[in-house]
Each structure stands twice: as C-alpha cells, then as structure tokens.
Amino acid sequence: MGGTDGTTTATGFSARLRAATWDGHGDSQDTAYMRALLDGRVDRDGYALLIAQLYPVYDLLEQAADRLAADPVAGPFVIDDLRRRDALRADLAYFYGPRWADRVTPGPAAARYCDRLREVCFAWPGGFVAHQYTRCMGDLSGGQYMARLVGRTLGAPAGDDGVRFYRYPGKPKRYKDHYRALLDAAPWDTAEQDRVIDEVRIAYRHNVAVTEELGRTLRLEPAA
C-alpha cells in the first residue's frame, strides 16, 4: 500500500523499486508538455505527436519481449495483455490516417530512448523489465486518467478510437498486482536489484526528455 508521497508500507522488491524511483515519476509528470496536456491545453495534433514518439519505444519493447519470451527471468514478464504496439498503430491511424507510418518520425529524444532500449533490453532481462515497468505501470495507472482526459479534451468518440493505447482486456489493478508479484519473485540479488533500479531511473529520464522536447516543439511555456 503506497502513499501519495511515494512512501510505502509494503515489503519486497516492488515496494523498494517504487520508493527508490518515485522522484523520477514525478519529474515525468512535471514537464511543460505534460502540464499542458493535463490542463487540456494540447490539441489533437499535439497529442498525436506524443503517441508518434512512443510508438518506436513500444515497438522495440515488444521485439525484446519476443526475444526474451523463453528466458527464465524475463519470460514471466512477457504478458500479452500488456502489449501496446497494435493499439498504438490503431490510434496513429485514427489521428494520421491509414498511411500514418509515412507521416510520423521520432524526434532526437525518442531516437536516443530507442538507442538505450537496443543497448539493454535484448540481452539483459533486468534491462527489459526496467523499461517495461517504467512504461506499463504508468499506462496502467495515470494512463487511465489520461484516456478519459484525451477523449474529453480532444473530442475523441465515446468508444475506443484514439485512446486504444490505454485500453486493456482486464482491469488495470489486476495487471499491476500481478506485475508487482513478479517483481517480488524475480531471482535478483541486491546488486542486480540496484542495477534494475538504476535503469528505471534512466528510463524515466528518457521519458522526461521526450516530453520536454515536445514542449519545445509546441512552444509551450516551461514548467514553473
């Protein structure tokens, strides 16, 4: 059970990981772009830019998942319901049209993020988990609020069009509880846990860099 300040009374690696990286989570929500998005000041094109940057990230994460599916450590974290690539493709087609792939290009920050994924996610199970955790746990938590906000602010239909990225077959809490249990059961010693924590911090920094760059692209005022 966690508090709003990131403290937790639970035990196990999942609680330690959350507490040790809470500041990074806060930083990722405090960029000019994210503040504007949450305030309803980002239009459809501005939101589409975000998912265009995220698509190559999830594409690489799912390639790594396929590579590591049989790995005894990473394999349990390869959960089909958490795959977001097809949902992102559908959302990109909604915003950009059927030829969306010809119209979207990752910016420098997303490209650097992808370089890091290629470096650590395909051969190191802990690296894959660190980056999957950073994205998926956020999608399952604040992402659910984002789906409602995007649908309301951007005028997306009442159904799933435009927000399929945030839709899961089951209830988000069930996935989060299962994921935390997997983290607690992972056979990592303290040194490897520390390494995973450090990689989650790196993942947060890449996410921050992506939204900072979007803020500059859209000429949004920096966060106070």
Protein backbone atom coordinates (compact mmCIF):
# COMPACT_ATOMS: atom_id res chain seq x y z
CA MET A 1 0.00 0.00 0.00
CA GLY A 2 1.52 3.30 -1.04
CA GLY A 3 1.11 6.91 -0.03
CA THR A 4 0.77 9.97 -2.23
CA ASP A 5 4.35 10.98 -1.43
CA GLY A 6 5.73 7.73 -2.79
CA THR A 7 6.26 6.11 0.61
CA THR A 8 5.09 2.54 1.06
CA THR A 9 4.38 0.16 3.89
CA ALA A 10 4.71 -2.94 1.71
CA THR A 11 7.80 -5.11 1.61
CA GLY A 12 9.61 -6.76 -1.27
CA PHE A 13 11.45 -5.52 -4.32
CA SER A 14 8.38 -3.95 -5.94
CA ALA A 15 7.97 -1.61 -2.96
CA ARG A 16 11.68 -0.82 -2.87
CA LEU A 17 11.70 -0.09 -6.59
CA ARG A 18 8.71 2.21 -6.37
CA ALA A 19 10.12 4.16 -3.44
CA ALA A 20 13.60 4.45 -4.96
CA THR A 21 12.31 5.81 -8.29
CA TRP A 22 9.37 7.93 -7.14
CA ASP A 23 11.16 11.21 -7.86
CA GLY A 24 11.61 10.18 -11.48
CA HIS A 25 7.91 9.50 -11.78
CA GLY A 26 7.16 12.98 -10.53
CA ASP A 27 9.64 14.55 -12.94
CA SER A 28 7.94 12.82 -15.88
CA GLN A 29 4.62 14.46 -14.96
CA ASP A 30 6.08 17.93 -14.46
CA THR A 31 7.26 18.95 -17.92
CA ALA A 32 5.61 21.79 -19.82
CA TYR A 33 4.05 19.34 -22.26
CA MET A 34 2.54 17.07 -19.59
CA ARG A 35 1.23 20.02 -17.61
CA ALA A 36 -0.40 21.42 -20.74
CA LEU A 37 -1.85 18.03 -21.65
CA LEU A 38 -3.32 17.53 -18.19
CA ASP A 39 -4.70 21.09 -18.24
CA GLY A 40 -6.45 20.48 -21.56
CA ARG A 41 -4.17 22.85 -23.47
CA VAL A 42 -2.85 20.32 -26.02
CA ASP A 43 -4.86 19.85 -29.19
CA ARG A 44 -5.34 16.70 -31.26
CA ASP A 45 -2.19 17.27 -33.29
CA GLY A 46 -0.15 17.85 -30.14
CA TYR A 47 -1.40 14.63 -28.57
CA ALA A 48 -0.79 12.70 -31.79
CA LEU A 49 2.83 13.87 -31.64
CA LEU A 50 3.18 12.17 -28.26
CA ILE A 51 1.98 8.76 -29.38
CA ALA A 52 4.08 9.09 -32.53
CA GLN A 53 7.15 9.36 -30.25
CA LEU A 54 6.02 6.45 -28.11
CA TYR A 55 5.35 4.04 -30.96
CA PRO A 56 9.01 3.13 -31.71
CA VAL A 57 9.59 2.68 -27.98
CA TYR A 58 6.84 0.10 -27.70
CA ASP A 59 7.85 -1.49 -30.97
CA LEU A 60 11.31 -2.16 -29.55
CA LEU A 61 9.95 -3.30 -26.19
CA GLU A 62 7.80 -5.89 -27.94
CA GLN A 63 10.69 -7.02 -30.12
CA ALA A 64 12.70 -7.52 -26.93
CA ALA A 65 9.77 -9.35 -25.34
CA ASP A 66 9.69 -11.76 -28.26
CA ARG A 67 13.44 -12.27 -27.99
CA LEU A 68 13.28 -12.96 -24.23
CA ALA A 69 9.99 -14.86 -24.03
CA ALA A 70 11.76 -18.14 -23.22
CA ASP A 71 14.17 -16.57 -20.72
CA PRO A 72 13.56 -17.93 -17.20
CA VAL A 73 13.81 -14.45 -15.64
CA ALA A 74 12.28 -12.18 -18.26
CA GLY A 75 9.78 -14.68 -19.64
CA PRO A 76 7.14 -14.28 -16.88
CA PHE A 77 7.07 -10.52 -17.60
CA VAL A 78 6.14 -11.12 -21.24
CA ILE A 79 2.40 -10.63 -20.83
CA ASP A 80 0.32 -10.44 -23.98
CA ASP A 81 -2.32 -8.16 -22.44
CA LEU A 82 0.35 -5.53 -21.76
CA ARG A 83 1.43 -5.31 -25.39
CA ARG A 84 0.58 -1.85 -26.72
CA ARG A 85 2.04 -1.82 -30.24
CA ASP A 86 -1.14 -2.79 -32.09
CA ALA A 87 -3.20 -0.34 -30.03
CA LEU A 88 -0.76 2.45 -30.86
CA ARG A 89 -0.96 1.57 -34.53
CA ALA A 90 -4.74 1.88 -34.38
CA ASP A 91 -4.52 5.25 -32.59
CA LEU A 92 -1.94 6.55 -35.07
CA ALA A 93 -4.20 5.51 -37.95
CA TYR A 94 -7.06 7.36 -36.26
CA PHE A 95 -5.10 10.60 -35.97
CA TYR A 96 -2.91 10.43 -39.08
CA GLY A 97 -4.83 8.19 -41.47
CA PRO A 98 -4.02 4.77 -42.92
CA ARG A 99 -0.61 5.92 -44.18
CA TRP A 100 0.44 7.11 -40.75
CA ALA A 101 3.82 5.36 -40.98
CA ASP A 102 4.80 7.76 -43.76
CA ARG A 103 3.86 10.78 -41.68
CA VAL A 104 5.45 10.18 -38.28
CA THR A 105 9.12 10.41 -37.39
CA PRO A 106 10.67 10.05 -33.93
CA GLY A 107 12.46 13.14 -32.72
CA PRO A 108 16.01 13.15 -31.32
CA ALA A 109 14.86 12.39 -27.75
CA ALA A 110 12.81 9.37 -28.84
CA ALA A 111 15.70 8.20 -31.01
CA ARG A 112 18.07 8.32 -28.02
CA TYR A 113 15.47 6.46 -25.94
CA CYS A 114 15.32 3.77 -28.62
CA ASP A 115 19.11 3.54 -28.69
CA ARG A 116 19.06 2.78 -24.98
CA LEU A 117 16.42 0.09 -25.44
CA ARG A 118 18.53 -1.60 -28.11
CA GLU A 119 21.52 -1.45 -25.78
CA VAL A 120 19.98 -3.02 -22.69
CA CYS A 121 16.65 -4.74 -23.42
CA PHE A 122 17.55 -7.57 -25.78
CA ALA A 123 20.25 -9.39 -23.84
CA TRP A 124 19.71 -8.27 -20.23
CA PRO A 125 16.45 -9.46 -18.64
CA GLY A 126 16.65 -6.81 -15.92
CA GLY A 127 17.03 -4.07 -18.52
CA PHE A 128 13.94 -5.25 -20.36
CA VAL A 129 11.95 -5.39 -17.14
CA ALA A 130 13.16 -1.95 -16.06
CA HIS A 131 11.94 -0.28 -19.24
CA GLN A 132 8.74 -2.30 -19.48
CA TYR A 133 7.95 -1.47 -15.85
CA THR A 134 8.50 2.24 -16.38
CA ARG A 135 6.12 2.43 -19.30
CA CYS A 136 3.49 -0.18 -18.49
CA MET A 137 2.94 0.64 -14.84
CA GLY A 138 2.45 4.27 -15.81
CA ASP A 139 -0.01 3.30 -18.54
CA LEU A 140 -1.95 1.17 -16.08
CA SER A 141 -2.09 3.98 -13.50
CA GLY A 142 -2.10 7.59 -14.68
CA GLY A 143 -2.72 6.43 -18.22
CA GLN A 144 -6.29 5.54 -17.32
CA TYR A 145 -6.95 9.13 -16.30
CA MET A 146 -5.22 10.24 -19.48
CA ALA A 147 -7.63 8.17 -21.57
CA ARG A 148 -10.62 9.99 -20.10
CA LEU A 149 -8.94 13.36 -20.47
CA VAL A 150 -7.88 12.76 -24.07
CA GLY A 151 -11.34 11.56 -25.03
CA ARG A 152 -12.96 14.60 -23.45
CA THR A 153 -10.47 17.30 -24.40
CA LEU A 154 -9.64 16.16 -27.91
CA GLY A 155 -13.17 15.24 -28.89
CA ALA A 156 -12.43 11.56 -29.49
CA PRO A 157 -15.56 9.41 -29.87
CA ALA A 158 -17.13 7.81 -26.83
CA GLY A 159 -15.67 4.46 -27.90
CA ASP A 160 -12.03 3.44 -28.08
CA ASP A 161 -10.98 5.35 -31.20
CA GLY A 162 -7.95 7.48 -30.44
CA VAL A 163 -7.40 6.02 -26.98
CA ARG A 164 -6.93 2.30 -27.63
CA PHE A 165 -3.41 2.69 -26.23
CA TYR A 166 -4.95 2.92 -22.74
CA ARG A 167 -7.50 0.11 -23.10
CA TYR A 168 -6.77 -3.32 -21.63
CA PRO A 169 -8.79 -6.56 -21.75
CA GLY A 170 -8.91 -6.73 -17.95
CA LYS A 171 -8.93 -4.34 -15.03
CA PRO A 172 -5.67 -2.36 -14.64
CA LYS A 173 -5.37 -3.16 -10.92
CA ARG A 174 -5.22 -6.87 -11.66
CA TYR A 175 -2.28 -6.36 -14.01
CA LYS A 176 -0.47 -4.07 -11.57
CA ASP A 177 -0.85 -6.51 -8.70
CA HIS A 178 0.40 -9.36 -10.87
CA TYR A 179 3.35 -7.32 -12.09
CA ARG A 180 4.37 -6.38 -8.54
CA ALA A 181 4.19 -10.05 -7.58
CA LEU A 182 6.50 -10.90 -10.48
CA LEU A 183 8.97 -8.25 -9.34
CA ASP A 184 8.94 -9.65 -5.81
CA ALA A 185 9.52 -13.17 -7.12
CA ALA A 186 12.33 -12.27 -9.54
CA PRO A 187 15.57 -14.10 -8.56
CA TRP A 188 17.70 -10.98 -8.27
CA ASP A 189 20.25 -10.40 -5.55
CA THR A 190 20.70 -6.94 -4.06
CA ALA A 191 23.32 -5.93 -6.62
CA GLU A 192 21.06 -6.85 -9.53
CA GLN A 193 18.10 -5.12 -7.91
CA ASP A 194 20.23 -1.98 -7.61
CA ARG A 195 21.11 -2.27 -11.27
CA VAL A 196 17.44 -2.54 -12.24
CA ILE A 197 16.60 0.48 -10.08
CA ASP A 198 19.32 2.49 -11.81
CA GLU A 199 17.92 1.50 -15.21
CA VAL A 200 14.41 2.55 -14.22
CA ARG A 201 15.84 5.96 -13.31
CA ILE A 202 17.42 6.10 -16.76
CA ALA A 203 14.11 5.14 -18.35
CA TYR A 204 12.35 7.97 -16.52
CA ARG A 205 14.97 10.42 -17.74
CA HIS A 206 14.34 9.34 -21.33
CA ASN A 207 10.60 9.77 -20.87
CA VAL A 208 11.15 13.24 -19.45
CA ALA A 209 13.40 14.13 -22.38
CA VAL A 210 10.71 13.09 -24.87
CA THR A 211 8.04 15.30 -23.31
CA GLU A 212 10.48 18.18 -22.79
CA GLU A 213 11.24 18.05 -26.48
CA LEU A 214 7.53 18.03 -27.32
CA GLY A 215 7.11 21.11 -25.15
CA ARG A 216 9.78 22.91 -27.12
CA THR A 217 8.31 21.75 -30.44
CA LEU A 218 4.89 23.12 -29.47
CA ARG A 219 6.45 26.21 -27.86
CA LEU A 220 4.81 25.57 -24.53
CA GLU A 221 5.92 27.55 -21.53
CA PRO A 222 8.38 25.65 -19.30
CA ALA A 223 7.01 24.16 -16.10
CA ALA A 224 7.43 26.50 -13.14
